[in-house]
PDB file of N, CA and C in Angstrom:
ATOM      1  N   MET A   1       3.426 -27.201 -48.199  1.00  0.00           N
ATOM      2  CA  MET A   1       2.855 -26.099 -48.936  1.00  0.00           C
ATOM      3  C   MET A   1       3.532 -24.409 -48.241  1.00  0.00           C
ATOM      4  N   ALA A   2       3.015 -24.830 -46.293  1.00  0.00           N
ATOM      5  CA  ALA A   2       3.641 -23.819 -45.891  1.00  0.00           C
ATOM      6  C   ALA A   2       4.889 -22.880 -46.025  1.00  0.00           C
ATOM      7  N   GLU A   3       5.761 -23.918 -46.255  1.00  0.00           N
ATOM      8  CA  GLU A   3       6.928 -23.465 -46.476  1.00  0.00           C
ATOM      9  C   GLU A   3       7.474 -22.776 -47.740  1.00  0.00           C
ATOM     10  N   GLY A   4       6.488 -22.964 -48.951  1.00  0.00           N
ATOM     11  CA  GLY A   4       6.652 -22.605 -50.068  1.00  0.00           C
ATOM     12  C   GLY A   4       7.381 -23.556 -51.271  1.00  0.00           C
ATOM     13  N   ARG A   5       7.588 -24.806 -50.882  1.00  0.00           N
ATOM     14  CA  ARG A   5       8.221 -25.840 -51.620  1.00  0.00           C
ATOM     15  C   ARG A   5       7.483 -26.180 -52.780  1.00  0.00           C
ATOM     16  N   TYR A   6       5.828 -26.545 -52.472  1.00  0.00           N
ATOM     17  CA  TYR A   6       4.885 -26.605 -53.770  1.00  0.00           C
ATOM     18  C   TYR A   6       4.437 -25.457 -53.991  1.00  0.00           C
ATOM     19  N   SER A   7       3.687 -25.037 -54.915  1.00  0.00           N
ATOM     20  CA  SER A   7       2.563 -24.219 -55.161  1.00  0.00           C
ATOM     21  C   SER A   7       1.086 -24.950 -55.198  1.00  0.00           C
ATOM     22  N   SER A   8       1.113 -26.279 -55.169  1.00  0.00           N
ATOM     23  CA  SER A   8      -0.335 -26.354 -54.992  1.00  0.00           C
ATOM     24  C   SER A   8      -0.468 -27.678 -54.205  1.00  0.00           C
ATOM     25  N   THR A   9      -1.922 -28.326 -53.842  1.00  0.00           N
ATOM     26  CA  THR A   9      -1.590 -29.480 -52.731  1.00  0.00           C
ATOM     27  C   THR A   9      -1.546 -30.734 -53.784  1.00  0.00           C
ATOM     28  N   SER A  10      -2.218 -30.155 -55.468  1.00  0.00           N
ATOM     29  CA  SER A  10      -1.904 -31.233 -56.063  1.00  0.00           C
ATOM     30  C   SER A  10      -0.191 -31.296 -56.909  1.00  0.00           C
ATOM     31  N   ASP A  11       0.557 -30.179 -56.680  1.00  0.00           N
ATOM     32  CA  ASP A  11       2.032 -30.130 -56.827  1.00  0.00           C
ATOM     33  C   ASP A  11       2.482 -31.503 -55.722  1.00  0.00           C
ATOM     34  N   TYR A  12       2.238 -31.294 -54.587  1.00  0.00           N
ATOM     35  CA  TYR A  12       2.615 -31.540 -53.477  1.00  0.00           C
ATOM     36  C   TYR A  12       2.051 -33.526 -54.073  1.00  0.00           C
ATOM     37  N   ALA A  13       1.008 -33.813 -53.857  1.00  0.00           N
ATOM     38  CA  ALA A  13       0.381 -35.186 -54.346  1.00  0.00           C
ATOM     39  C   ALA A  13       1.690 -35.737 -55.037  1.00  0.00           C
ATOM     40  N   ARG A  14       1.829 -34.870 -56.454  1.00  0.00           N
ATOM     41  CA  ARG A  14       2.324 -35.816 -57.292  1.00  0.00           C
ATOM     42  C   ARG A  14       3.765 -35.903 -57.212  1.00  0.00           C
ATOM     43  N   ASP A  15       4.274 -35.128 -56.339  1.00  0.00           N
ATOM     44  CA  ASP A  15       5.653 -35.230 -55.816  1.00  0.00           C
ATOM     45  C   ASP A  15       5.780 -36.628 -54.895  1.00  0.00           C
ATOM     46  N   LEU A  16       4.495 -36.724 -54.256  1.00  0.00           N
ATOM     47  CA  LEU A  16       4.258 -38.134 -53.187  1.00  0.00           C
ATOM     48  C   LEU A  16       4.408 -39.163 -54.274  1.00  0.00           C
ATOM     49  N   VAL A  17       3.624 -39.029 -55.137  1.00  0.00           N
ATOM     50  CA  VAL A  17       3.210 -40.204 -56.291  1.00  0.00           C
ATOM     51  C   VAL A  17       4.800 -40.897 -56.938  1.00  0.00           C
ATOM     52  N   ARG A  18       5.299 -39.551 -57.199  1.00  0.00           N
ATOM     53  CA  ARG A  18       6.934 -39.701 -58.149  1.00  0.00           C
ATOM     54  C   ARG A  18       8.042 -40.220 -57.099  1.00  0.00           C
ATOM     55  N   ARG A  19       7.838 -39.924 -55.771  1.00  0.00           N
ATOM     56  CA  ARG A  19       8.579 -40.495 -55.228  1.00  0.00           C
ATOM     57  C   ARG A  19       8.456 -41.663 -54.576  1.00  0.00           C
ATOM     58  N   ASP A  20       6.974 -42.338 -54.469  1.00  0.00           N
ATOM     59  CA  ASP A  20       6.753 -43.975 -54.140  1.00  0.00           C
ATOM     60  C   ASP A  20       7.058 -44.573 -55.052  1.00  0.00           C
ATOM     61  N   GLN A  21       7.095 -43.928 -56.639  1.00  0.00           N
ATOM     62  CA  GLN A  21       7.132 -44.680 -57.641  1.00  0.00           C
ATOM     63  C   GLN A  21       8.669 -44.972 -57.803  1.00  0.00           C
ATOM     64  N   ASP A  22       9.798 -44.043 -57.574  1.00  0.00           N
ATOM     65  CA  ASP A  22      10.643 -44.436 -56.988  1.00  0.00           C
ATOM     66  C   ASP A  22      11.517 -45.081 -56.249  1.00  0.00           C
ATOM     67  N   TYR A  23      10.737 -45.322 -55.114  1.00  0.00           N
ATOM     68  CA  TYR A  23      10.987 -46.015 -54.280  1.00  0.00           C
ATOM     69  C   TYR A  23      10.361 -47.612 -54.435  1.00  0.00           C
ATOM     70  N   ALA A  24       9.777 -47.652 -55.073  1.00  0.00           N
ATOM     71  CA  ALA A  24       8.918 -49.096 -55.825  1.00  0.00           C
ATOM     72  C   ALA A  24       9.857 -49.470 -57.076  1.00  0.00           C
ATOM     73  N   GLN A  25      10.529 -48.676 -57.637  1.00  0.00           N
ATOM     74  CA  GLN A  25      11.519 -49.255 -58.580  1.00  0.00           C
ATOM     75  C   GLN A  25      12.726 -49.622 -57.966  1.00  0.00           C
ATOM     76  N   LYS A  26      13.366 -49.039 -57.054  1.00  0.00           N
ATOM     77  CA  LYS A  26      14.576 -49.071 -56.430  1.00  0.00           C
ATOM     78  C   LYS A  26      14.226 -50.635 -55.777  1.00  0.00           C
ATOM     79  N   ARG A  27      12.987 -50.727 -55.074  1.00  0.00           N
ATOM     80  CA  ARG A  27      12.878 -52.093 -54.013  1.00  0.00           C
ATOM     81  C   ARG A  27      12.758 -53.110 -55.016  1.00  0.00           C
ATOM     82  N   ALA A  28      12.172 -52.877 -55.962  1.00  0.00           N
ATOM     83  CA  ALA A  28      12.109 -53.825 -56.871  1.00  0.00           C
ATOM     84  C   ALA A  28      13.365 -54.951 -57.295  1.00  0.00           C
ATOM     85  N   ALA A  29      14.267 -53.616 -57.788  1.00  0.00           N
ATOM     86  CA  ALA A  29      15.717 -54.105 -58.312  1.00  0.00           C
ATOM     87  C   ALA A  29      16.533 -54.579 -57.263  1.00  0.00           C
ATOM     88  N   LEU A  30      16.215 -54.262 -55.927  1.00  0.00           N
ATOM     89  CA  LEU A  30      17.017 -54.482 -55.002  1.00  0.00           C
ATOM     90  C   LEU A  30      16.545 -56.191 -54.769  1.00  0.00           C
ATOM     91  N   GLN A  31      15.237 -56.331 -54.713  1.00  0.00           N
ATOM     92  CA  GLN A  31      14.873 -57.562 -54.391  1.00  0.00           C
ATOM     93  C   GLN A  31      15.314 -58.498 -55.736  1.00  0.00           C
ATOM     94  N   ALA A  32      15.294 -58.206 -56.731  1.00  0.00           N
ATOM     95  CA  ALA A  32      15.452 -58.733 -58.178  1.00  0.00           C
ATOM     96  C   ALA A  32      17.092 -59.333 -57.730  1.00  0.00           C
ATOM     97  N   ALA A  33      18.146 -58.560 -57.637  1.00  0.00           N
ATOM     98  CA  ALA A  33      19.125 -58.873 -57.009  1.00  0.00           C
ATOM     99  C   ALA A  33      19.352 -59.769 -55.643  1.00  0.00           C
ATOM    100  N   ILE A  34      18.861 -59.536 -54.729  1.00  0.00           N
ATOM    101  CA  ILE A  34      18.801 -60.628 -53.798  1.00  0.00           C
ATOM    102  C   ILE A  34      18.202 -62.081 -54.453  1.00  0.00           C
ATOM    103  N   ASP A  35      17.138 -62.005 -55.040  1.00  0.00           N
ATOM    104  CA  ASP A  35      16.788 -63.294 -55.535  1.00  0.00           C
ATOM    105  C   ASP A  35      17.811 -64.017 -56.182  1.00  0.00           C
ATOM    106  N   ALA A  36      18.397 -63.064 -57.427  1.00  0.00           N
ATOM    107  CA  ALA A  36      19.158 -63.877 -58.231  1.00  0.00           C
ATOM    108  C   ALA A  36      20.471 -64.345 -57.223  1.00  0.00           C
ATOM    109  N   GLY A  37      20.691 -63.478 -56.343  1.00  0.00           N
ATOM    110  CA  GLY A  37      22.049 -63.790 -55.525  1.00  0.00           C
ATOM    111  C   GLY A  37      21.870 -65.245 -54.966  1.00  0.00           C
ATOM    112  N   LEU A  38      20.612 -65.514 -54.813  1.00  0.00           N
ATOM    113  CA  LEU A  38      19.672 -66.687 -53.669  1.00  0.00           C
ATOM    114  C   LEU A  38      19.752 -67.843 -54.828  1.00  0.00           C
ATOM    115  N   ALA A  39      19.278 -67.563 -56.421  1.00  0.00           N
ATOM    116  CA  ALA A  39      19.382 -68.681 -56.726  1.00  0.00           C
ATOM    117  C   ALA A  39      20.418 -69.170 -57.631  1.00  0.00           C
ATOM    118  N   SER A  40      21.692 -68.235 -57.372  1.00  0.00           N
ATOM    119  CA  SER A  40      22.899 -68.761 -57.768  1.00  0.00           C
ATOM    120  C   SER A  40      23.453 -69.996 -57.093  1.00  0.00           C
ATOM    121  N   GLY A  41      23.177 -70.245 -55.787  1.00  0.00           N
ATOM    122  CA  GLY A  41      23.469 -71.417 -55.461  1.00  0.00           C
ATOM    123  C   GLY A  41      24.642 -70.652 -54.605  1.00  0.00           C
ATOM    124  N   VAL A  42      25.129 -71.651 -53.813  1.00  0.00           N
ATOM    125  CA  VAL A  42      26.604 -71.626 -52.674  1.00  0.00           C
ATOM    126  C   VAL A  42      27.786 -71.987 -53.350  1.00  0.00           C
ATOM    127  N   SER A  43      28.782 -70.694 -53.513  1.00  0.00           N
ATOM    128  CA  SER A  43      30.013 -70.457 -54.111  1.00  0.00           C
ATOM    129  C   SER A  43      30.629 -71.621 -53.081  1.00  0.00           C
ATOM    130  N   GLU A  44      31.412 -72.448 -53.767  1.00  0.00           N
ATOM    131  CA  GLU A  44      32.779 -73.076 -53.502  1.00  0.00           C
ATOM    132  C   GLU A  44      34.440 -72.396 -53.177  1.00  0.00           C
ATOM    133  N   ARG A  45      34.232 -71.357 -53.355  1.00  0.00           N
ATOM    134  CA  ARG A  45      35.370 -70.420 -53.608  1.00  0.00           C
ATOM    135  C   ARG A  45      35.463 -70.057 -51.733  1.00  0.00           C
ATOM    136  N   ASP A  46      36.550 -69.871 -51.592  1.00  0.00           N
ATOM    137  CA  ASP A  46      37.133 -69.716 -50.155  1.00  0.00           C
ATOM    138  C   ASP A  46      36.759 -67.589 -50.077  1.00  0.00           C
ATOM    139  N   PRO A  47      35.591 -67.426 -49.081  1.00  0.00           N
ATOM    140  CA  PRO A  47      35.524 -66.146 -49.379  1.00  0.00           C
ATOM    141  C   PRO A  47      36.731 -65.076 -49.147  1.00  0.00           C
ATOM    142  N   PHE A  48      37.705 -65.685 -48.030  1.00  0.00           N
ATOM    143  CA  PHE A  48      38.750 -64.629 -47.592  1.00  0.00           C
ATOM    144  C   PHE A  48      39.856 -64.737 -48.810  1.00  0.00           C
ATOM    145  N   GLU A  49      39.951 -65.412 -49.715  1.00  0.00           N
ATOM    146  CA  GLU A  49      40.591 -65.493 -51.097  1.00  0.00           C
ATOM    147  C   GLU A  49      40.189 -64.406 -52.140  1.00  0.00           C
ATOM    148  N   TYR A  50      38.439 -64.724 -52.126  1.00  0.00           N
ATOM    149  CA  TYR A  50      37.998 -63.828 -53.234  1.00  0.00           C
ATOM    150  C   TYR A  50      38.343 -62.108 -52.733  1.00  0.00           C
ATOM    151  N   LEU A  51      38.174 -61.912 -51.654  1.00  0.00           N
ATOM    152  CA  LEU A  51      38.299 -60.588 -51.278  1.00  0.00           C
ATOM    153  C   LEU A  51      39.595 -60.558 -51.325  1.00  0.00           C
ATOM    154  N   ASN A  52      40.702 -60.885 -51.167  1.00  0.00           N
ATOM    155  CA  ASN A  52      41.732 -60.841 -51.343  1.00  0.00           C
ATOM    156  C   ASN A  52      42.279 -60.986 -52.998  1.00  0.00           C
ATOM    157  N   GLU A  53      41.543 -61.591 -53.892  1.00  0.00           N
ATOM    158  CA  GLU A  53      41.692 -61.065 -55.094  1.00  0.00           C
ATOM    159  C   GLU A  53      40.859 -59.416 -55.572  1.00  0.00           C
ATOM    160  N   LEU A  54      40.013 -59.473 -55.143  1.00  0.00           N
ATOM    161  CA  LEU A  54      39.358 -58.126 -55.393  1.00  0.00           C
ATOM    162  C   LEU A  54      40.146 -57.039 -54.450  1.00  0.00           C
ATOM    163  N   ARG A  55      40.784 -57.308 -53.379  1.00  0.00           N
ATOM    164  CA  ARG A  55      41.591 -55.786 -53.105  1.00  0.00           C
ATOM    165  C   ARG A  55      42.703 -55.840 -54.156  1.00  0.00           C
ATOM    166  N   GLY A  56      43.693 -56.795 -54.592  1.00  0.00           N
ATOM    167  CA  GLY A  56      44.276 -57.029 -55.479  1.00  0.00           C
ATOM    168  C   GLY A  56      43.638 -55.992 -57.284  1.00  0.00           C
ATOM    169  N   ARG A  57      43.137 -56.384 -57.338  1.00  0.00           N
ATOM    170  CA  ARG A  57      42.400 -56.016 -58.746  1.00  0.00           C
ATOM    171  C   ARG A  57      42.256 -54.097 -58.448  1.00  0.00           C
ATOM    172  N   LEU A  58      41.581 -54.194 -57.232  1.00  0.00           N
ATOM    173  CA  LEU A  58      41.585 -52.633 -56.855  1.00  0.00           C
ATOM    174  C   LEU A  58      43.092 -52.041 -56.743  1.00  0.00           C
ATOM    175  N   ARG A  59      43.815 -52.536 -55.810  1.00  0.00           N
ATOM    176  CA  ARG A  59      44.996 -51.903 -56.171  1.00  0.00           C
ATOM    177  C   ARG A  59      45.762 -51.347 -57.469  1.00  0.00           C
ATOM    178  N   SER A  60      45.638 -52.528 -58.262  1.00  0.00           N
ATOM    179  CA  SER A  60      46.276 -52.519 -59.596  1.00  0.00           C
ATOM    180  C   SER A  60      45.575 -51.111 -60.486  1.00  0.00           C
ATOM    181  N   ALA A  61      44.129 -51.244 -60.322  1.00  0.00           N
ATOM    182  CA  ALA A  61      43.440 -50.383 -60.688  1.00  0.00           C
ATOM    183  C   ALA A  61      44.033 -48.866 -60.170  1.00  0.00           C
ATOM    184  N   ASP A  62      44.310 -48.457 -58.901  1.00  0.00           N
ATOM    185  CA  ASP A  62      44.561 -47.549 -58.185  1.00  0.00           C
ATOM    186  C   ASP A  62      45.835 -47.142 -58.883  1.00  0.00           C
ATOM    187  N   ALA A  63      46.938 -48.187 -59.177  1.00  0.00           N
ATOM    188  CA  ALA A  63      48.047 -47.891 -59.513  1.00  0.00           C
ATOM    189  C   ALA A  63      47.998 -47.572 -61.130  1.00  0.00           C
ATOM    190  N   ALA A  64      47.137 -47.464 -61.776  1.00  0.00           N
ATOM    191  CA  ALA A  64      47.152 -47.184 -63.065  1.00  0.00           C
ATOM    192  C   ALA A  64      46.928 -45.822 -63.483  1.00  0.00           C
TER     193      ALA A  64
END
C-alpha cells in the first residue's frame, strides 16, 4: 500500500486471494498431468527415435 499499488488493505487482500486461487488451479492442472502421465504406463518406444520424429515434425512445420 505504501507504494500506491493498492488503494486499501481489502484490495491487497483480494489480490492475494486471487493469486492464491490462480496458483492452486495451476498446481492442480500440473498434478493432473503428472497423474495422467504416471497412469499411462511405460512406453515401449525408443525415446531417441521419438525425439527424432518430433524434430522432423518441427522442421516440416518450420519449412511450411
